[in-house]
N, C-alpha and C. Protein backbone atom coordinates (compact mmCIF):
# COMPACT_ATOMS: atom_id res chain seq x y z
N MET A 1 112.44 95.66 54.42
CA MET A 1 113.41 96.42 55.18
C MET A 1 112.69 97.15 56.32
N GLN A 2 111.55 97.73 56.10
CA GLN A 2 110.86 98.41 57.15
C GLN A 2 110.38 97.45 58.27
N ILE A 3 110.03 96.25 57.86
CA ILE A 3 109.54 95.22 58.83
C ILE A 3 110.70 94.82 59.71
N PHE A 4 111.90 94.69 59.13
CA PHE A 4 113.09 94.37 59.95
C PHE A 4 113.36 95.51 61.03
N GLY A 5 113.25 96.71 60.73
CA GLY A 5 113.47 97.87 61.54
C GLY A 5 112.45 97.84 62.64
N ILE A 6 111.16 97.63 62.31
CA ILE A 6 110.10 97.57 63.29
C ILE A 6 110.34 96.44 64.29
N LEU A 7 110.74 95.24 63.78
CA LEU A 7 111.00 94.12 64.58
C LEU A 7 112.21 94.38 65.56
N LEU A 8 113.23 95.06 65.02
CA LEU A 8 114.37 95.40 65.86
C LEU A 8 114.01 96.30 66.95
N ILE A 9 113.23 97.32 66.70
CA ILE A 9 112.72 98.26 67.72
C ILE A 9 111.90 97.51 68.78
N PHE A 10 110.97 96.65 68.34
CA PHE A 10 110.22 95.88 69.29
C PHE A 10 111.06 95.00 70.18
N LEU A 11 112.04 94.38 69.53
CA LEU A 11 113.00 93.48 70.33
C LEU A 11 113.74 94.32 71.35
N VAL A 12 114.25 95.47 71.07
CA VAL A 12 114.94 96.38 71.96
C VAL A 12 114.01 96.70 73.15
N ILE A 13 112.78 97.10 72.87
CA ILE A 13 111.88 97.42 73.89
C ILE A 13 111.49 96.25 74.80
N VAL A 14 111.34 95.13 74.23
CA VAL A 14 111.09 93.96 75.10
C VAL A 14 112.30 93.64 75.98
N LEU A 15 113.51 93.67 75.46
CA LEU A 15 114.67 93.39 76.17
C LEU A 15 114.85 94.49 77.33
N PHE A 16 114.57 95.65 77.02
CA PHE A 16 114.66 96.78 78.08
C PHE A 16 113.65 96.47 79.18
N TRP A 17 112.46 96.15 78.82
CA TRP A 17 111.37 95.80 79.79
C TRP A 17 111.81 94.67 80.70
N LEU A 18 112.38 93.61 80.14
CA LEU A 18 112.77 92.43 80.88
C LEU A 18 113.93 92.88 81.89
N TRP A 19 114.90 93.65 81.38
CA TRP A 19 115.97 94.06 82.15
C TRP A 19 115.52 94.93 83.30
N LEU A 20 114.60 95.90 83.08
CA LEU A 20 114.02 96.76 84.07
C LEU A 20 113.26 95.93 85.10
N LYS A 21 112.53 94.90 84.68
CA LYS A 21 111.76 94.10 85.55
C LYS A 21 112.71 93.37 86.59
N PHE A 22 113.82 92.82 86.00
CA PHE A 22 114.77 92.17 86.84
C PHE A 22 115.47 93.08 87.81
N GLN A 23 115.71 94.28 87.34
CA GLN A 23 116.47 95.29 88.21
C GLN A 23 115.61 95.68 89.37
N LEU A 24 114.25 95.82 89.18
CA LEU A 24 113.38 96.34 90.20
C LEU A 24 112.65 95.27 90.99
N ARG A 25 113.14 94.01 90.89
CA ARG A 25 112.50 92.87 91.60
C ARG A 25 112.54 93.19 93.10
N GLN A 26 111.42 92.88 93.76
CA GLN A 26 111.29 93.10 95.11
C GLN A 26 111.02 91.73 95.84
N GLU A 27 111.39 91.60 97.03
CA GLU A 27 111.07 90.35 97.78
C GLU A 27 110.59 90.76 99.18
N LYS A 28 109.49 90.23 99.54
CA LYS A 28 108.94 90.46 100.91
C LYS A 28 109.65 89.51 101.91
N ALA A 29 110.15 90.03 103.04
CA ALA A 29 110.73 89.22 103.95
C ALA A 29 109.73 88.17 104.54
N VAL A 30 110.17 86.97 104.71
CA VAL A 30 109.21 85.92 105.16
C VAL A 30 109.15 85.97 106.67
N ALA A 31 107.95 86.12 107.20
CA ALA A 31 107.74 86.23 108.68
C ALA A 31 107.30 84.87 109.17
N SER A 32 108.00 84.50 110.29
CA SER A 32 107.62 83.28 111.04
C SER A 32 108.19 83.36 112.47
N ALA A 33 107.40 82.83 113.37
CA ALA A 33 107.76 82.76 114.76
C ALA A 33 108.38 84.01 115.40
N GLY A 34 107.75 85.14 115.09
CA GLY A 34 108.18 86.40 115.70
C GLY A 34 109.41 87.07 115.01
N SER A 35 109.77 86.65 113.92
CA SER A 35 110.83 87.31 113.13
C SER A 35 110.60 87.24 111.70
N GLN A 36 111.43 87.83 110.87
CA GLN A 36 111.27 87.81 109.38
C GLN A 36 112.68 87.60 108.84
N SER A 37 112.73 87.04 107.63
CA SER A 37 114.00 86.74 107.03
C SER A 37 113.95 86.89 105.50
N ALA A 38 115.08 87.19 104.92
CA ALA A 38 115.28 87.25 103.44
C ALA A 38 116.65 86.90 103.06
N THR A 39 116.84 86.29 101.89
CA THR A 39 118.15 85.92 101.43
C THR A 39 118.48 86.81 100.21
N ILE A 40 119.69 87.33 100.15
CA ILE A 40 120.20 88.22 99.10
C ILE A 40 121.35 87.50 98.46
N LEU A 41 121.21 87.08 97.19
CA LEU A 41 122.31 86.53 96.37
C LEU A 41 123.21 87.61 95.87
N ILE A 42 124.57 87.44 96.09
CA ILE A 42 125.49 88.38 95.55
C ILE A 42 126.26 87.68 94.47
N LYS A 43 126.00 88.16 93.19
CA LYS A 43 126.74 87.65 92.06
C LYS A 43 126.65 88.71 91.00
N GLY A 44 127.54 89.69 90.97
CA GLY A 44 127.47 90.73 90.09
C GLY A 44 126.52 91.94 90.46
N ALA A 45 125.74 91.68 91.44
CA ALA A 45 124.74 92.68 91.99
C ALA A 45 124.06 92.01 93.16
N TYR A 46 123.34 92.79 93.88
CA TYR A 46 122.47 92.20 94.99
C TYR A 46 121.19 91.75 94.32
N ASN A 47 120.69 90.57 94.63
CA ASN A 47 119.46 90.07 94.00
C ASN A 47 118.68 89.32 95.11
N PRO A 48 117.57 89.78 95.46
CA PRO A 48 116.88 91.03 95.01
C PRO A 48 117.58 92.30 95.61
N LYS A 49 117.38 93.40 94.94
CA LYS A 49 117.93 94.63 95.45
C LYS A 49 116.97 95.30 96.48
N ILE A 50 115.71 94.98 96.44
CA ILE A 50 114.74 95.62 97.32
C ILE A 50 114.07 94.56 98.19
N ILE A 51 114.06 94.75 99.54
CA ILE A 51 113.46 93.83 100.48
C ILE A 51 112.37 94.70 101.25
N LYS A 52 111.15 94.13 101.26
CA LYS A 52 110.08 94.72 102.10
C LYS A 52 110.02 94.02 103.40
N ALA A 53 110.08 94.83 104.52
CA ALA A 53 110.09 94.32 105.86
C ALA A 53 109.11 95.04 106.73
N SER A 54 108.71 94.35 107.86
CA SER A 54 107.78 94.97 108.76
C SER A 54 108.49 95.65 109.91
N ILE A 55 107.93 96.72 110.37
CA ILE A 55 108.51 97.54 111.51
C ILE A 55 108.39 96.67 112.81
N ASN A 56 109.36 96.88 113.69
CA ASN A 56 109.44 96.28 115.04
C ASN A 56 109.41 94.78 115.04
N LEU A 57 109.91 94.14 114.04
CA LEU A 57 109.97 92.67 113.94
C LEU A 57 111.42 92.32 113.51
N PRO A 58 112.17 91.60 114.34
CA PRO A 58 113.48 91.27 113.95
C PRO A 58 113.65 90.75 112.49
N LEU A 59 114.63 91.25 111.82
CA LEU A 59 114.88 90.92 110.43
C LEU A 59 116.19 90.22 110.33
N ARG A 60 116.21 89.01 109.80
CA ARG A 60 117.45 88.33 109.56
C ARG A 60 117.74 88.27 108.06
N LEU A 61 118.80 88.97 107.64
CA LEU A 61 119.17 89.04 106.21
C LEU A 61 120.35 87.97 106.05
N THR A 62 120.22 87.09 105.07
CA THR A 62 121.30 86.13 104.78
C THR A 62 121.83 86.60 103.45
N PHE A 63 123.17 87.03 103.45
CA PHE A 63 123.84 87.42 102.23
C PHE A 63 124.58 86.18 101.71
N ASP A 64 124.18 85.73 100.55
CA ASP A 64 124.81 84.50 99.92
C ASP A 64 125.79 85.00 98.86
N ARG A 65 127.08 85.22 99.23
CA ARG A 65 128.02 85.73 98.27
C ARG A 65 128.63 84.62 97.43
N GLN A 66 128.26 84.64 96.14
CA GLN A 66 128.67 83.60 95.18
C GLN A 66 129.70 84.12 94.18
N GLU A 67 130.66 84.88 94.74
CA GLU A 67 131.68 85.40 93.90
C GLU A 67 132.86 85.86 94.80
N ASP A 68 134.00 86.24 94.19
CA ASP A 68 135.10 86.68 94.98
C ASP A 68 135.62 88.10 94.61
N ALA A 69 134.65 88.83 93.88
CA ALA A 69 135.01 90.16 93.53
C ALA A 69 135.27 91.07 94.74
N GLU A 70 136.27 91.86 94.68
CA GLU A 70 136.67 92.71 95.83
C GLU A 70 135.64 93.60 96.30
N CYS A 71 134.83 94.12 95.28
CA CYS A 71 133.75 95.08 95.54
C CYS A 71 132.70 94.51 96.53
N SER A 72 132.43 93.24 96.44
CA SER A 72 131.36 92.62 97.29
C SER A 72 131.90 92.08 98.59
N ARG A 73 133.05 92.42 98.91
CA ARG A 73 133.75 91.83 100.17
C ARG A 73 132.94 92.30 101.44
N PHE A 74 132.40 93.55 101.41
CA PHE A 74 131.80 94.12 102.59
C PHE A 74 130.39 94.62 102.23
N VAL A 75 129.48 94.59 103.21
CA VAL A 75 128.17 95.22 103.02
C VAL A 75 128.10 96.37 104.10
N THR A 76 127.61 97.50 103.70
CA THR A 76 127.54 98.63 104.68
C THR A 76 126.14 99.12 104.72
N PHE A 77 125.57 99.27 105.92
CA PHE A 77 124.29 99.88 106.21
C PHE A 77 124.58 101.19 106.89
N ALA A 78 124.71 102.28 106.12
CA ALA A 78 125.17 103.57 106.63
C ALA A 78 124.19 104.05 107.74
N GLU A 79 122.88 103.98 107.54
CA GLU A 79 121.91 104.48 108.49
C GLU A 79 122.01 103.76 109.91
N LEU A 80 122.40 102.46 109.73
CA LEU A 80 122.58 101.64 111.05
C LEU A 80 123.98 101.66 111.60
N LYS A 81 124.91 102.31 110.87
CA LYS A 81 126.38 102.39 111.27
C LYS A 81 126.80 100.95 111.40
N LEU A 82 126.54 100.08 110.37
CA LEU A 82 126.85 98.67 110.38
C LEU A 82 127.61 98.34 109.15
N ARG A 83 128.77 97.65 109.26
CA ARG A 83 129.54 97.21 108.14
C ARG A 83 129.99 95.73 108.45
N LYS A 84 129.68 94.88 107.53
CA LYS A 84 129.96 93.48 107.78
C LYS A 84 130.82 92.78 106.60
N ASP A 85 131.85 92.02 107.07
CA ASP A 85 132.64 91.26 106.08
C ASP A 85 131.78 90.08 105.53
N LEU A 86 131.84 89.93 104.24
CA LEU A 86 131.10 88.76 103.56
C LEU A 86 132.13 87.88 102.87
N PRO A 87 132.51 86.78 103.57
CA PRO A 87 133.47 85.82 102.90
C PRO A 87 133.01 85.29 101.64
N ALA A 88 133.87 85.15 100.67
CA ALA A 88 133.46 84.58 99.34
C ALA A 88 132.93 83.20 99.36
N PHE A 89 131.89 82.97 98.66
CA PHE A 89 131.27 81.73 98.51
C PHE A 89 130.71 81.12 99.79
N LYS A 90 130.27 82.03 100.74
CA LYS A 90 129.72 81.67 101.93
C LYS A 90 128.50 82.49 102.23
N LYS A 91 127.68 82.03 103.15
CA LYS A 91 126.41 82.75 103.60
C LYS A 91 126.83 83.46 104.86
N THR A 92 126.35 84.76 105.00
CA THR A 92 126.62 85.56 106.20
C THR A 92 125.25 86.12 106.61
N GLU A 93 124.85 86.01 108.01
CA GLU A 93 123.61 86.52 108.47
C GLU A 93 123.86 87.80 109.21
N ILE A 94 122.93 88.70 109.00
CA ILE A 94 122.93 90.02 109.69
C ILE A 94 121.53 90.16 110.20
N THR A 95 121.39 90.37 111.55
CA THR A 95 120.04 90.51 112.21
C THR A 95 119.96 91.80 112.89
N PHE A 96 118.82 92.47 112.63
CA PHE A 96 118.55 93.74 113.39
C PHE A 96 117.08 93.96 113.35
N THR A 97 116.56 94.89 114.12
CA THR A 97 115.13 95.15 114.25
C THR A 97 114.80 96.52 113.71
N PRO A 98 114.16 96.63 112.52
CA PRO A 98 113.81 97.94 111.97
C PRO A 98 112.85 98.72 112.95
N ARG A 99 113.13 99.86 113.40
CA ARG A 99 112.38 100.62 114.42
C ARG A 99 111.56 101.80 113.85
N ALA A 100 111.79 102.09 112.59
CA ALA A 100 111.04 103.19 111.96
C ALA A 100 110.66 102.86 110.55
N LYS A 101 109.53 103.38 110.11
CA LYS A 101 109.10 103.17 108.72
C LYS A 101 110.01 104.01 107.85
N GLY A 102 110.20 103.51 106.60
CA GLY A 102 111.10 104.21 105.68
C GLY A 102 111.97 103.24 104.90
N GLU A 103 113.10 103.81 104.47
CA GLU A 103 114.07 102.98 103.74
C GLU A 103 115.42 102.88 104.40
N ILE A 104 115.92 101.74 104.37
CA ILE A 104 117.30 101.56 104.88
C ILE A 104 118.16 101.05 103.63
N ASN A 105 119.10 101.95 103.30
CA ASN A 105 119.94 101.56 102.17
C ASN A 105 121.21 100.73 102.63
N PHE A 106 121.61 99.84 101.69
CA PHE A 106 122.81 99.13 101.92
C PHE A 106 123.66 99.04 100.62
N SER A 107 124.93 98.98 100.74
CA SER A 107 125.78 98.92 99.49
C SER A 107 127.11 98.34 99.82
N CYS A 108 127.89 97.97 98.75
CA CYS A 108 129.26 97.60 98.92
C CYS A 108 130.09 98.85 99.20
N ASP A 109 131.33 98.64 99.55
CA ASP A 109 132.24 99.82 99.92
C ASP A 109 132.36 100.79 98.81
N MET A 110 132.31 100.36 97.54
CA MET A 110 132.52 101.21 96.40
C MET A 110 131.23 101.78 95.84
N GLY A 111 130.06 101.30 96.38
CA GLY A 111 128.75 101.81 96.03
C GLY A 111 128.32 101.31 94.62
N MET A 112 128.97 100.25 94.09
CA MET A 112 128.57 99.70 92.86
C MET A 112 127.42 98.74 92.99
N TYR A 113 127.40 98.02 94.14
CA TYR A 113 126.27 97.12 94.42
C TYR A 113 125.38 97.90 95.45
N GLN A 114 124.11 98.02 95.17
CA GLN A 114 123.23 98.85 96.03
C GLN A 114 121.91 98.12 96.22
N GLY A 115 121.36 98.27 97.41
CA GLY A 115 120.05 97.67 97.67
C GLY A 115 119.39 98.50 98.75
N LYS A 116 118.07 98.18 99.08
CA LYS A 116 117.44 98.90 100.13
C LYS A 116 116.36 98.04 100.70
N ILE A 117 116.06 98.29 102.04
CA ILE A 117 114.94 97.62 102.75
C ILE A 117 113.85 98.69 102.88
N ILE A 118 112.71 98.29 102.50
CA ILE A 118 111.54 99.17 102.67
C ILE A 118 110.81 98.73 103.88
N VAL A 119 110.80 99.55 104.94
CA VAL A 119 110.12 99.15 106.14
C VAL A 119 108.76 99.75 106.21
N GLU A 120 107.76 98.95 106.39
CA GLU A 120 106.36 99.28 106.39
C GLU A 120 105.73 99.04 107.75
């Protein structure tokens, strides 16, 4: 009986670690020919949630919305005063140039889907 309890606790810890690893996944924007790009899959959440980008290099984000949930219909970059419609089951590109180091947050209108760009 004690072995079962220990195994159950171990399993919970492993599952929590895997969930946390997935939630904190980061992707570096791919740089080529004077610009950088990254793709964000939208299906229940933004994946990846964190994008690392370089300062003063145009950044092209491709939002690949693979759902029709109302929450994911728009993406908003409050710091950039930018809001973009994301049609269901289509890819939408947003391009801008990060001008300062720091973080740029983005989210759906309800704030349930959240992500950020870390500018270095």
